[in-house]
PDB file of N, CA and C in Angstrom:
ATOM      1  N   MET A   1      30.483 -10.722 -15.377  1.00  0.00           N
ATOM      2  CA  MET A   1      29.641 -11.691 -15.725  1.00  0.00           C
ATOM      3  C   MET A   1      29.323 -12.643 -14.445  1.00  0.00           C
ATOM      4  N   SER A   2      28.228 -12.663 -13.972  1.00  0.00           N
ATOM      5  CA  SER A   2      27.788 -13.464 -12.935  1.00  0.00           C
ATOM      6  C   SER A   2      27.373 -14.876 -13.182  1.00  0.00           C
ATOM      7  N   ARG A   3      27.665 -15.747 -12.278  1.00  0.00           N
ATOM      8  CA  ARG A   3      27.194 -16.967 -12.612  1.00  0.00           C
ATOM      9  C   ARG A   3      25.853 -17.342 -12.309  1.00  0.00           C
ATOM     10  N   LYS A   4      25.076 -17.984 -13.010  1.00  0.00           N
ATOM     11  CA  LYS A   4      23.781 -18.084 -12.875  1.00  0.00           C
ATOM     12  C   LYS A   4      23.737 -19.658 -12.912  1.00  0.00           C
ATOM     13  N   GLY A   5      23.020 -20.242 -12.071  1.00  0.00           N
ATOM     14  CA  GLY A   5      22.842 -21.937 -12.055  1.00  0.00           C
ATOM     15  C   GLY A   5      23.949 -22.569 -12.218  1.00  0.00           C
ATOM     16  N   ASP A   6      23.920 -23.352 -13.355  1.00  0.00           N
ATOM     17  CA  ASP A   6      25.111 -24.126 -13.743  1.00  0.00           C
ATOM     18  C   ASP A   6      26.107 -23.306 -14.807  1.00  0.00           C
ATOM     19  N   GLN A   7      26.082 -22.169 -14.618  1.00  0.00           N
ATOM     20  CA  GLN A   7      26.789 -21.571 -15.620  1.00  0.00           C
ATOM     21  C   GLN A   7      28.227 -21.098 -14.965  1.00  0.00           C
ATOM     22  N   GLU A   8      29.447 -21.164 -16.076  1.00  0.00           N
ATOM     23  CA  GLU A   8      30.687 -20.680 -15.164  1.00  0.00           C
ATOM     24  C   GLU A   8      31.227 -19.655 -16.051  1.00  0.00           C
ATOM     25  N   SER A   9      32.081 -18.801 -15.311  1.00  0.00           N
ATOM     26  CA  SER A   9      32.603 -17.654 -15.968  1.00  0.00           C
ATOM     27  C   SER A   9      34.207 -17.657 -16.101  1.00  0.00           C
ATOM     28  N   TYR A  10      34.723 -17.287 -17.140  1.00  0.00           N
ATOM     29  CA  TYR A  10      36.199 -17.274 -17.296  1.00  0.00           C
ATOM     30  C   TYR A  10      36.606 -16.156 -17.972  1.00  0.00           C
ATOM     31  N   GLU A  11      37.842 -15.910 -18.047  1.00  0.00           N
ATOM     32  CA  GLU A  11      38.656 -14.926 -18.739  1.00  0.00           C
ATOM     33  C   GLU A  11      39.624 -15.309 -19.619  1.00  0.00           C
ATOM     34  N   LEU A  12      39.706 -14.720 -20.842  1.00  0.00           N
ATOM     35  CA  LEU A  12      40.356 -14.898 -21.921  1.00  0.00           C
ATOM     36  C   LEU A  12      41.555 -13.538 -21.692  1.00  0.00           C
ATOM     37  N   HIS A  13      42.855 -13.970 -21.715  1.00  0.00           N
ATOM     38  CA  HIS A  13      43.901 -13.120 -21.664  1.00  0.00           C
ATOM     39  C   HIS A  13      44.844 -13.250 -22.868  1.00  0.00           C
ATOM     40  N   LEU A  14      44.677 -12.067 -23.597  1.00  0.00           N
ATOM     41  CA  LEU A  14      45.494 -12.554 -24.880  1.00  0.00           C
ATOM     42  C   LEU A  14      46.766 -11.698 -24.546  1.00  0.00           C
ATOM     43  N   PRO A  15      48.044 -12.384 -24.917  1.00  0.00           N
ATOM     44  CA  PRO A  15      49.297 -11.568 -25.191  1.00  0.00           C
ATOM     45  C   PRO A  15      49.562 -10.285 -25.834  1.00  0.00           C
ATOM     46  N   VAL A  16      48.516  -9.506 -25.721  1.00  0.00           N
ATOM     47  CA  VAL A  16      48.565  -8.001 -26.500  1.00  0.00           C
ATOM     48  C   VAL A  16      48.036  -7.018 -25.427  1.00  0.00           C
ATOM     49  N   TYR A  17      48.892  -5.851 -25.651  1.00  0.00           N
ATOM     50  CA  TYR A  17      48.809  -4.859 -24.948  1.00  0.00           C
ATOM     51  C   TYR A  17      48.344  -3.513 -25.920  1.00  0.00           C
ATOM     52  N   LYS A  18      49.316  -2.963 -26.355  1.00  0.00           N
ATOM     53  CA  LYS A  18      49.311  -1.911 -27.178  1.00  0.00           C
ATOM     54  C   LYS A  18      50.399  -2.189 -28.323  1.00  0.00           C
ATOM     55  N   GLN A  19      50.353  -1.761 -29.517  1.00  0.00           N
ATOM     56  CA  GLN A  19      51.366  -2.294 -30.583  1.00  0.00           C
ATOM     57  C   GLN A  19      52.483  -1.532 -30.206  1.00  0.00           C
ATOM     58  N   GLY A  20      52.703  -0.289 -29.853  1.00  0.00           N
ATOM     59  CA  GLY A  20      54.125   0.187 -29.596  1.00  0.00           C
ATOM     60  C   GLY A  20      54.800  -0.333 -28.185  1.00  0.00           C
ATOM     61  N   ASP A  21      53.907  -0.845 -27.201  1.00  0.00           N
ATOM     62  CA  ASP A  21      54.612  -1.186 -26.177  1.00  0.00           C
ATOM     63  C   ASP A  21      54.849  -2.634 -26.514  1.00  0.00           C
ATOM     64  N   ASP A  22      53.994  -3.463 -27.066  1.00  0.00           N
ATOM     65  CA  ASP A  22      54.150  -4.716 -27.591  1.00  0.00           C
ATOM     66  C   ASP A  22      55.654  -4.977 -28.151  1.00  0.00           C
ATOM     67  N   LEU A  23      55.749  -3.943 -29.158  1.00  0.00           N
ATOM     68  CA  LEU A  23      57.119  -4.134 -30.049  1.00  0.00           C
ATOM     69  C   LEU A  23      58.152  -3.763 -29.117  1.00  0.00           C
ATOM     70  N   ALA A  24      58.099  -2.590 -28.283  1.00  0.00           N
ATOM     71  CA  ALA A  24      59.025  -2.204 -27.438  1.00  0.00           C
ATOM     72  C   ALA A  24      59.763  -3.251 -26.333  1.00  0.00           C
ATOM     73  N   ALA A  25      58.922  -4.035 -26.211  1.00  0.00           N
ATOM     74  CA  ALA A  25      59.204  -5.197 -25.119  1.00  0.00           C
ATOM     75  C   ALA A  25      60.245  -6.296 -25.669  1.00  0.00           C
ATOM     76  N   HIS A  26      59.869  -6.499 -27.204  1.00  0.00           N
ATOM     77  CA  HIS A  26      60.832  -7.148 -28.138  1.00  0.00           C
ATOM     78  C   HIS A  26      62.073  -6.603 -28.457  1.00  0.00           C
ATOM     79  N   LEU A  27      61.833  -5.174 -28.592  1.00  0.00           N
ATOM     80  CA  LEU A  27      63.160  -4.415 -28.938  1.00  0.00           C
ATOM     81  C   LEU A  27      64.141  -4.479 -27.727  1.00  0.00           C
ATOM     82  N   ARG A  28      63.554  -4.468 -26.618  1.00  0.00           N
ATOM     83  CA  ARG A  28      64.408  -4.352 -25.241  1.00  0.00           C
ATOM     84  C   ARG A  28      65.125  -5.821 -25.315  1.00  0.00           C
ATOM     85  N   ASP A  29      64.667  -6.724 -25.662  1.00  0.00           N
ATOM     86  CA  ASP A  29      65.403  -8.155 -25.940  1.00  0.00           C
ATOM     87  C   ASP A  29      66.448  -8.361 -27.004  1.00  0.00           C
ATOM     88  N   PHE A  30      65.935  -7.413 -28.065  1.00  0.00           N
ATOM     89  CA  PHE A  30      66.819  -7.407 -29.315  1.00  0.00           C
ATOM     90  C   PHE A  30      67.067  -6.140 -29.737  1.00  0.00           C
ATOM     91  N   PRO A  31      67.815  -5.319 -29.057  1.00  0.00           N
ATOM     92  CA  PRO A  31      67.791  -3.706 -29.248  1.00  0.00           C
ATOM     93  C   PRO A  31      68.588  -3.511 -30.565  1.00  0.00           C
ATOM     94  N   HIS A  32      69.417  -4.592 -30.865  1.00  0.00           N
ATOM     95  CA  HIS A  32      70.464  -4.011 -32.069  1.00  0.00           C
ATOM     96  C   HIS A  32      69.958  -5.171 -33.365  1.00  0.00           C
ATOM     97  N   GLU A  33      68.809  -5.816 -32.948  1.00  0.00           N
ATOM     98  CA  GLU A  33      68.408  -6.683 -34.188  1.00  0.00           C
ATOM     99  C   GLU A  33      66.732  -6.384 -34.395  1.00  0.00           C
ATOM    100  N   PRO A  34      66.367  -5.343 -34.818  1.00  0.00           N
ATOM    101  CA  PRO A  34      64.753  -4.989 -34.818  1.00  0.00           C
ATOM    102  C   PRO A  34      64.190  -5.942 -35.745  1.00  0.00           C
ATOM    103  N   ALA A  35      64.812  -6.571 -36.692  1.00  0.00           N
ATOM    104  CA  ALA A  35      64.074  -7.584 -37.404  1.00  0.00           C
ATOM    105  C   ALA A  35      63.557  -8.813 -36.409  1.00  0.00           C
ATOM    106  N   LYS A  36      64.386  -9.084 -35.590  1.00  0.00           N
ATOM    107  CA  LYS A  36      63.848 -10.316 -34.517  1.00  0.00           C
ATOM    108  C   LYS A  36      62.993  -9.832 -33.631  1.00  0.00           C
ATOM    109  N   ALA A  37      62.880  -8.372 -33.259  1.00  0.00           N
ATOM    110  CA  ALA A  37      62.104  -7.842 -32.305  1.00  0.00           C
ATOM    111  C   ALA A  37      60.583  -7.816 -33.104  1.00  0.00           C
ATOM    112  N   PHE A  38      60.506  -7.734 -34.467  1.00  0.00           N
ATOM    113  CA  PHE A  38      59.101  -7.606 -35.281  1.00  0.00           C
ATOM    114  C   PHE A  38      58.852  -9.267 -35.422  1.00  0.00           C
ATOM    115  N   VAL A  39      59.765 -10.298 -35.477  1.00  0.00           N
ATOM    116  CA  VAL A  39      59.520 -11.674 -35.560  1.00  0.00           C
ATOM    117  C   VAL A  39      58.801 -12.046 -34.190  1.00  0.00           C
ATOM    118  N   GLY A  40      59.545 -11.420 -32.979  1.00  0.00           N
ATOM    119  CA  GLY A  40      58.874 -11.625 -31.842  1.00  0.00           C
ATOM    120  C   GLY A  40      57.498 -11.242 -31.697  1.00  0.00           C
ATOM    121  N   LEU A  41      57.221 -10.121 -31.981  1.00  0.00           N
ATOM    122  CA  LEU A  41      56.025  -9.465 -32.086  1.00  0.00           C
ATOM    123  C   LEU A  41      54.898 -10.331 -32.797  1.00  0.00           C
ATOM    124  N   ALA A  42      55.308 -10.917 -33.940  1.00  0.00           N
ATOM    125  CA  ALA A  42      54.412 -11.597 -34.849  1.00  0.00           C
ATOM    126  C   ALA A  42      54.069 -12.778 -34.196  1.00  0.00           C
ATOM    127  N   GLU A  43      54.822 -13.492 -33.475  1.00  0.00           N
ATOM    128  CA  GLU A  43      54.625 -14.560 -32.867  1.00  0.00           C
ATOM    129  C   GLU A  43      53.931 -14.519 -31.666  1.00  0.00           C
ATOM    130  N   ARG A  44      53.868 -13.054 -31.053  1.00  0.00           N
ATOM    131  CA  ARG A  44      52.862 -12.701 -29.962  1.00  0.00           C
ATOM    132  C   ARG A  44      51.655 -12.702 -30.371  1.00  0.00           C
ATOM    133  N   TYR A  45      51.484 -12.074 -31.556  1.00  0.00           N
ATOM    134  CA  TYR A  45      50.274 -11.913 -32.334  1.00  0.00           C
ATOM    135  C   TYR A  45      49.605 -13.117 -32.738  1.00  0.00           C
ATOM    136  N   GLU A  46      50.406 -13.996 -33.075  1.00  0.00           N
ATOM    137  CA  GLU A  46      50.076 -15.201 -33.695  1.00  0.00           C
ATOM    138  C   GLU A  46      49.511 -16.231 -32.542  1.00  0.00           C
ATOM    139  N   ALA A  47      50.086 -16.310 -31.330  1.00  0.00           N
ATOM    140  CA  ALA A  47      49.484 -16.880 -30.312  1.00  0.00           C
ATOM    141  C   ALA A  47      48.153 -16.341 -29.921  1.00  0.00           C
ATOM    142  N   ALA A  48      48.176 -15.115 -30.058  1.00  0.00           N
ATOM    143  CA  ALA A  48      46.830 -14.398 -29.753  1.00  0.00           C
ATOM    144  C   ALA A  48      45.602 -14.882 -30.541  1.00  0.00           C
ATOM    145  N   ALA A  49      45.960 -14.866 -31.813  1.00  0.00           N
ATOM    146  CA  ALA A  49      45.178 -15.323 -33.027  1.00  0.00           C
ATOM    147  C   ALA A  49      44.717 -16.622 -32.537  1.00  0.00           C
ATOM    148  N   ALA A  50      45.584 -17.610 -32.515  1.00  0.00           N
ATOM    149  CA  ALA A  50      45.416 -18.992 -32.211  1.00  0.00           C
ATOM    150  C   ALA A  50      44.504 -19.435 -30.961  1.00  0.00           C
ATOM    151  N   ALA A  51      44.551 -18.203 -29.858  1.00  0.00           N
ATOM    152  CA  ALA A  51      43.706 -18.538 -28.866  1.00  0.00           C
ATOM    153  C   ALA A  51      42.413 -18.033 -29.181  1.00  0.00           C
ATOM    154  N   CYS A  52      42.118 -17.006 -30.250  1.00  0.00           N
ATOM    155  CA  CYS A  52      40.914 -16.447 -30.500  1.00  0.00           C
ATOM    156  C   CYS A  52      40.187 -17.463 -31.229  1.00  0.00           C
ATOM    157  N   ARG A  53      40.984 -18.134 -32.059  1.00  0.00           N
ATOM    158  CA  ARG A  53      40.535 -19.270 -33.120  1.00  0.00           C
ATOM    159  C   ARG A  53      40.141 -20.584 -32.146  1.00  0.00           C
ATOM    160  N   ARG A  54      40.793 -20.983 -31.067  1.00  0.00           N
ATOM    161  CA  ARG A  54      40.370 -21.972 -30.236  1.00  0.00           C
ATOM    162  C   ARG A  54      39.053 -21.651 -29.605  1.00  0.00           C
ATOM    163  N   VAL A  55      38.881 -20.404 -29.074  1.00  0.00           N
ATOM    164  CA  VAL A  55      37.873 -20.131 -28.332  1.00  0.00           C
ATOM    165  C   VAL A  55      36.470 -20.179 -29.368  1.00  0.00           C
ATOM    166  N   ALA A  56      36.746 -19.483 -30.466  1.00  0.00           N
ATOM    167  CA  ALA A  56      35.672 -19.477 -31.651  1.00  0.00           C
ATOM    168  C   ALA A  56      35.152 -20.937 -31.884  1.00  0.00           C
ATOM    169  N   GLY A  57      36.149 -21.696 -32.072  1.00  0.00           N
ATOM    170  CA  GLY A  57      35.844 -23.256 -32.335  1.00  0.00           C
ATOM    171  C   GLY A  57      35.076 -24.075 -31.314  1.00  0.00           C
ATOM    172  N   VAL A  58      35.401 -23.703 -30.129  1.00  0.00           N
ATOM    173  CA  VAL A  58      34.548 -24.285 -28.995  1.00  0.00           C
ATOM    174  C   VAL A  58      32.895 -23.593 -28.769  1.00  0.00           C
ATOM    175  N   ILE A  59      32.937 -22.426 -28.979  1.00  0.00           N
ATOM    176  CA  ILE A  59      31.842 -21.628 -29.117  1.00  0.00           C
ATOM    177  C   ILE A  59      30.932 -22.255 -30.327  1.00  0.00           C
ATOM    178  N   ALA A  60      31.513 -22.147 -31.318  1.00  0.00           N
ATOM    179  CA  ALA A  60      30.633 -22.782 -32.712  1.00  0.00           C
ATOM    180  C   ALA A  60      29.983 -24.090 -32.487  1.00  0.00           C
ATOM    181  N   GLU A  61      30.579 -25.071 -31.503  1.00  0.00           N
ATOM    182  CA  GLU A  61      30.315 -26.356 -31.295  1.00  0.00           C
ATOM    183  C   GLU A  61      29.541 -26.554 -30.073  1.00  0.00           C
ATOM    184  N   ALA A  62      29.503 -25.632 -29.157  1.00  0.00           N
ATOM    185  CA  ALA A  62      29.119 -25.992 -28.053  1.00  0.00           C
ATOM    186  C   ALA A  62      27.636 -25.742 -28.137  1.00  0.00           C
ATOM    187  N   PRO A  63      26.641 -26.107 -26.961  1.00  0.00           N
ATOM    188  CA  PRO A  63      25.491 -25.737 -26.937  1.00  0.00           C
ATOM    189  C   PRO A  63      25.037 -24.582 -26.761  1.00  0.00           C
ATOM    190  N   LEU A  64      23.993 -24.049 -26.992  1.00  0.00           N
ATOM    191  CA  LEU A  64      23.620 -22.741 -26.875  1.00  0.00           C
ATOM    192  C   LEU A  64      23.713 -22.273 -25.370  1.00  0.00           C
ATOM    193  N   GLY A  65      23.895 -21.103 -25.230  1.00  0.00           N
ATOM    194  CA  GLY A  65      24.138 -20.781 -23.825  1.00  0.00           C
ATOM    195  C   GLY A  65      25.504 -20.109 -23.608  1.00  0.00           C
ATOM    196  N   ILE A  66      26.452 -20.009 -24.438  1.00  0.00           N
ATOM    197  CA  ILE A  66      27.698 -19.323 -24.425  1.00  0.00           C
ATOM    198  C   ILE A  66      27.341 -17.716 -24.623  1.00  0.00           C
ATOM    199  N   ALA A  67      28.099 -17.120 -23.550  1.00  0.00           N
ATOM    200  CA  ALA A  67      27.936 -15.495 -23.890  1.00  0.00           C
ATOM    201  C   ALA A  67      29.323 -15.078 -23.724  1.00  0.00           C
ATOM    202  N   VAL A  68      29.520 -13.856 -24.420  1.00  0.00           N
ATOM    203  CA  VAL A  68      30.707 -13.306 -24.428  1.00  0.00           C
ATOM    204  C   VAL A  68      30.712 -11.897 -24.215  1.00  0.00           C
ATOM    205  N   GLN A  69      31.339 -11.240 -23.190  1.00  0.00           N
ATOM    206  CA  GLN A  69      31.408  -9.893 -22.949  1.00  0.00           C
ATOM    207  C   GLN A  69      32.870  -9.497 -23.074  1.00  0.00           C
ATOM    208  N   ALA A  70      33.053  -8.095 -23.544  1.00  0.00           N
ATOM    209  CA  ALA A  70      34.257  -7.645 -23.505  1.00  0.00           C
ATOM    210  C   ALA A  70      34.112  -6.039 -23.383  1.00  0.00           C
ATOM    211  N   ASP A  71      35.325  -5.578 -22.795  1.00  0.00           N
ATOM    212  CA  ASP A  71      35.467  -4.268 -22.704  1.00  0.00           C
ATOM    213  C   ASP A  71      36.967  -3.768 -22.656  1.00  0.00           C
ATOM    214  N   THR A  72      37.402  -2.730 -22.604  1.00  0.00           N
ATOM    215  CA  THR A  72      38.780  -2.217 -22.939  1.00  0.00           C
ATOM    216  C   THR A  72      39.939  -3.162 -22.429  1.00  0.00           C
ATOM    217  N   HIS A  73      39.924  -3.890 -21.293  1.00  0.00           N
ATOM    218  CA  HIS A  73      40.978  -4.774 -20.609  1.00  0.00           C
ATOM    219  C   HIS A  73      40.315  -6.098 -20.313  1.00  0.00           C
ATOM    220  N   MET A  74      39.227  -6.351 -20.884  1.00  0.00           N
ATOM    221  CA  MET A  74      38.732  -7.718 -20.523  1.00  0.00           C
ATOM    222  C   MET A  74      37.931  -8.331 -21.300  1.00  0.00           C
ATOM    223  N   ILE A  75      38.034  -9.816 -21.487  1.00  0.00           N
ATOM    224  CA  ILE A  75      37.227 -10.613 -22.353  1.00  0.00           C
ATOM    225  C   ILE A  75      36.684 -11.711 -21.420  1.00  0.00           C
ATOM    226  N   CYS A  76      35.378 -11.820 -21.176  1.00  0.00           N
ATOM    227  CA  CYS A  76      34.679 -12.852 -20.368  1.00  0.00           C
ATOM    228  C   CYS A  76      33.983 -13.821 -21.175  1.00  0.00           C
ATOM    229  N   VAL A  77      34.013 -15.043 -20.840  1.00  0.00           N
ATOM    230  CA  VAL A  77      33.270 -16.126 -21.642  1.00  0.00           C
ATOM    231  C   VAL A  77      32.689 -16.928 -20.774  1.00  0.00           C
ATOM    232  N   GLU A  78      31.270 -17.075 -20.797  1.00  0.00           N
ATOM    233  CA  GLU A  78      30.511 -17.663 -19.756  1.00  0.00           C
ATOM    234  C   GLU A  78      29.668 -18.874 -20.726  1.00  0.00           C
ATOM    235  N   GLY A  79      29.537 -19.972 -19.834  1.00  0.00           N
ATOM    236  CA  GLY A  79      28.879 -21.086 -20.371  1.00  0.00           C
ATOM    237  C   GLY A  79      28.444 -22.154 -19.490  1.00  0.00           C
ATOM    238  N   PRO A  80      27.546 -23.078 -19.972  1.00  0.00           N
ATOM    239  CA  PRO A  80      27.129 -24.257 -19.031  1.00  0.00           C
ATOM    240  C   PRO A  80      28.357 -24.993 -18.577  1.00  0.00           C
ATOM    241  N   ARG A  81      28.213 -25.124 -17.226  1.00  0.00           N
ATOM    242  CA  ARG A  81      29.217 -26.016 -16.644  1.00  0.00           C
ATOM    243  C   ARG A  81      29.822 -27.179 -17.483  1.00  0.00           C
ATOM    244  N   GLY A  82      31.050 -27.221 -17.611  1.00  0.00           N
ATOM    245  CA  GLY A  82      31.894 -27.986 -18.437  1.00  0.00           C
ATOM    246  C   GLY A  82      32.021 -27.801 -19.860  1.00  0.00           C
ATOM    247  N   ALA A  83      31.045 -26.897 -20.590  1.00  0.00           N
ATOM    248  CA  ALA A  83      31.314 -26.721 -21.774  1.00  0.00           C
ATOM    249  C   ALA A  83      32.506 -25.917 -22.380  1.00  0.00           C
ATOM    250  N   LEU A  84      33.287 -25.462 -21.160  1.00  0.00           N
ATOM    251  CA  LEU A  84      34.642 -24.618 -21.575  1.00  0.00           C
ATOM    252  C   LEU A  84      35.597 -25.293 -21.045  1.00  0.00           C
ATOM    253  N   ALA A  85      35.656 -26.620 -20.530  1.00  0.00           N
ATOM    254  CA  ALA A  85      36.539 -27.180 -19.693  1.00  0.00           C
ATOM    255  C   ALA A  85      37.902 -27.616 -20.354  1.00  0.00           C
ATOM    256  N   GLY A  86      37.764 -27.781 -21.823  1.00  0.00           N
ATOM    257  CA  GLY A  86      38.990 -27.992 -22.340  1.00  0.00           C
ATOM    258  C   GLY A  86      39.759 -26.758 -22.709  1.00  0.00           C
ATOM    259  N   LEU A  87      39.192 -25.493 -22.866  1.00  0.00           N
ATOM    260  CA  LEU A  87      39.765 -24.356 -22.954  1.00  0.00           C
ATOM    261  C   LEU A  87      40.501 -24.018 -21.734  1.00  0.00           C
ATOM    262  N   VAL A  88      39.751 -24.223 -20.503  1.00  0.00           N
ATOM    263  CA  VAL A  88      40.576 -24.386 -19.108  1.00  0.00           C
ATOM    264  C   VAL A  88      41.646 -25.193 -18.859  1.00  0.00           C
ATOM    265  N   ALA A  89      41.562 -26.400 -19.337  1.00  0.00           N
ATOM    266  CA  ALA A  89      42.555 -27.360 -19.200  1.00  0.00           C
ATOM    267  C   ALA A  89      43.655 -26.866 -19.947  1.00  0.00           C
ATOM    268  N   ASP A  90      43.653 -26.334 -21.020  1.00  0.00           N
ATOM    269  CA  ASP A  90      44.592 -26.031 -21.920  1.00  0.00           C
ATOM    270  C   ASP A  90      45.095 -24.593 -21.634  1.00  0.00           C
ATOM    271  N   LYS A  91      44.582 -23.923 -20.695  1.00  0.00           N
ATOM    272  CA  LYS A  91      44.919 -22.548 -19.998  1.00  0.00           C
ATOM    273  C   LYS A  91      44.553 -21.457 -21.030  1.00  0.00           C
ATOM    274  N   VAL A  92      43.801 -21.647 -21.810  1.00  0.00           N
ATOM    275  CA  VAL A  92      43.253 -20.640 -22.822  1.00  0.00           C
ATOM    276  C   VAL A  92      42.420 -19.607 -22.278  1.00  0.00           C
ATOM    277  N   LEU A  93      41.541 -20.221 -21.251  1.00  0.00           N
ATOM    278  CA  LEU A  93      40.629 -19.503 -20.382  1.00  0.00           C
ATOM    279  C   LEU A  93      41.065 -19.718 -19.007  1.00  0.00           C
ATOM    280  N   THR A  94      40.986 -18.463 -17.977  1.00  0.00           N
ATOM    281  CA  THR A  94      41.098 -18.954 -16.637  1.00  0.00           C
ATOM    282  C   THR A  94      39.900 -18.430 -15.688  1.00  0.00           C
ATOM    283  N   LYS A  95      39.713 -18.894 -14.783  1.00  0.00           N
ATOM    284  CA  LYS A  95      38.509 -18.804 -14.043  1.00  0.00           C
ATOM    285  C   LYS A  95      38.534 -17.413 -13.548  1.00  0.00           C
ATOM    286  N   SER A  96      37.372 -16.832 -13.651  1.00  0.00           N
ATOM    287  CA  SER A  96      36.905 -15.195 -13.607  1.00  0.00           C
ATOM    288  C   SER A  96      37.165 -15.086 -12.000  1.00  0.00           C
ATOM    289  N   PRO A  97      38.013 -13.834 -11.664  1.00  0.00           N
ATOM    290  CA  PRO A  97      37.975 -13.667 -10.168  1.00  0.00           C
ATOM    291  C   PRO A  97      36.644 -13.297  -9.639  1.00  0.00           C
ATOM    292  N   PHE A  98      35.787 -13.020 -10.361  1.00  0.00           N
ATOM    293  CA  PHE A  98      34.500 -12.791  -9.864  1.00  0.00           C
ATOM    294  C   PHE A  98      33.824 -14.052  -9.503  1.00  0.00           C
ATOM    295  N   GLU A  99      34.030 -15.135 -10.470  1.00  0.00           N
ATOM    296  CA  GLU A  99      33.503 -16.395 -10.221  1.00  0.00           C
ATOM    297  C   GLU A  99      33.988 -17.049  -8.914  1.00  0.00           C
ATOM    298  N   GLU A 100      35.507 -16.990  -8.591  1.00  0.00           N
ATOM    299  CA  GLU A 100      35.846 -17.363  -7.298  1.00  0.00           C
ATOM    300  C   GLU A 100      35.213 -16.509  -6.102  1.00  0.00           C
ATOM    301  N   GLU A 101      35.018 -15.266  -6.294  1.00  0.00           N
ATOM    302  CA  GLU A 101      34.545 -14.424  -5.014  1.00  0.00           C
ATOM    303  C   GLU A 101      33.036 -15.202  -4.736  1.00  0.00           C
ATOM    304  N   GLU A 102      32.474 -15.352  -5.872  1.00  0.00           N
ATOM    305  CA  GLU A 102      31.184 -15.902  -5.708  1.00  0.00           C
ATOM    306  C   GLU A 102      30.949 -17.175  -4.983  1.00  0.00           C
ATOM    307  N   GLU A 103      32.028 -18.239  -5.223  1.00  0.00           N
ATOM    308  CA  GLU A 103      32.195 -19.601  -4.874  1.00  0.00           C
ATOM    309  C   GLU A 103      32.341 -19.264  -3.287  1.00  0.00           C
ATOM    310  N   GLY A 104      33.229 -18.504  -3.080  1.00  0.00           N
ATOM    311  CA  GLY A 104      33.797 -18.081  -1.499  1.00  0.00           C
ATOM    312  C   GLY A 104      32.716 -17.872  -0.817  1.00  0.00           C
ATOM    313  N   GLU A 105      31.649 -16.993  -1.314  1.00  0.00           N
ATOM    314  CA  GLU A 105      30.559 -16.471  -0.793  1.00  0.00           C
ATOM    315  C   GLU A 105      29.530 -17.728  -0.413  1.00  0.00           C
ATOM    316  N   GLU A 106      29.397 -18.448  -1.348  1.00  0.00           N
ATOM    317  CA  GLU A 106      28.342 -19.582  -1.231  1.00  0.00           C
ATOM    318  C   GLU A 106      28.852 -20.530  -0.163  1.00  0.00           C
ATOM    319  N   GLU A 107      30.250 -20.745  -0.181  1.00  0.00           N
ATOM    320  CA  GLU A 107      30.805 -21.880   0.823  1.00  0.00           C
ATOM    321  C   GLU A 107      30.529 -21.165   2.385  1.00  0.00           C
ATOM    322  N   GLY A 108      30.720 -20.050   2.316  1.00  0.00           N
ATOM    323  CA  GLY A 108      30.754 -19.252   3.839  1.00  0.00           C
ATOM    324  C   GLY A 108      29.293 -18.854   4.064  1.00  0.00           C
ATOM    325  N   SER A 109      28.216 -19.196   3.266  1.00  0.00           N
ATOM    326  CA  SER A 109      26.845 -19.023   3.622  1.00  0.00           C
ATOM    327  C   SER A 109      26.417 -20.266   4.625  1.00  0.00           C
TER     328      SER A 109
END
């Protein structure tokens, strides 16, 4: 997503990869306690769900102009400058690396 005018772009990074790989990570932590591994997996997915709900709530209350794009490994959220600041402050969203590149190009101009 490219920045236009007073728009800012951010990425949402969910703690989810692939269900088998996600569970395998917890099984490594609890190799003889699969129930604990499943609890860890549930907590991971609950954290992902909470982040999604947080973003949805901000988008629902934000002014028009919030855009979302997603593909296999990336979720981008773009909106008017400041509209997503609370999500950034709480580390739900992070500045898009593409946004940082554009800022560097502007400063170098």
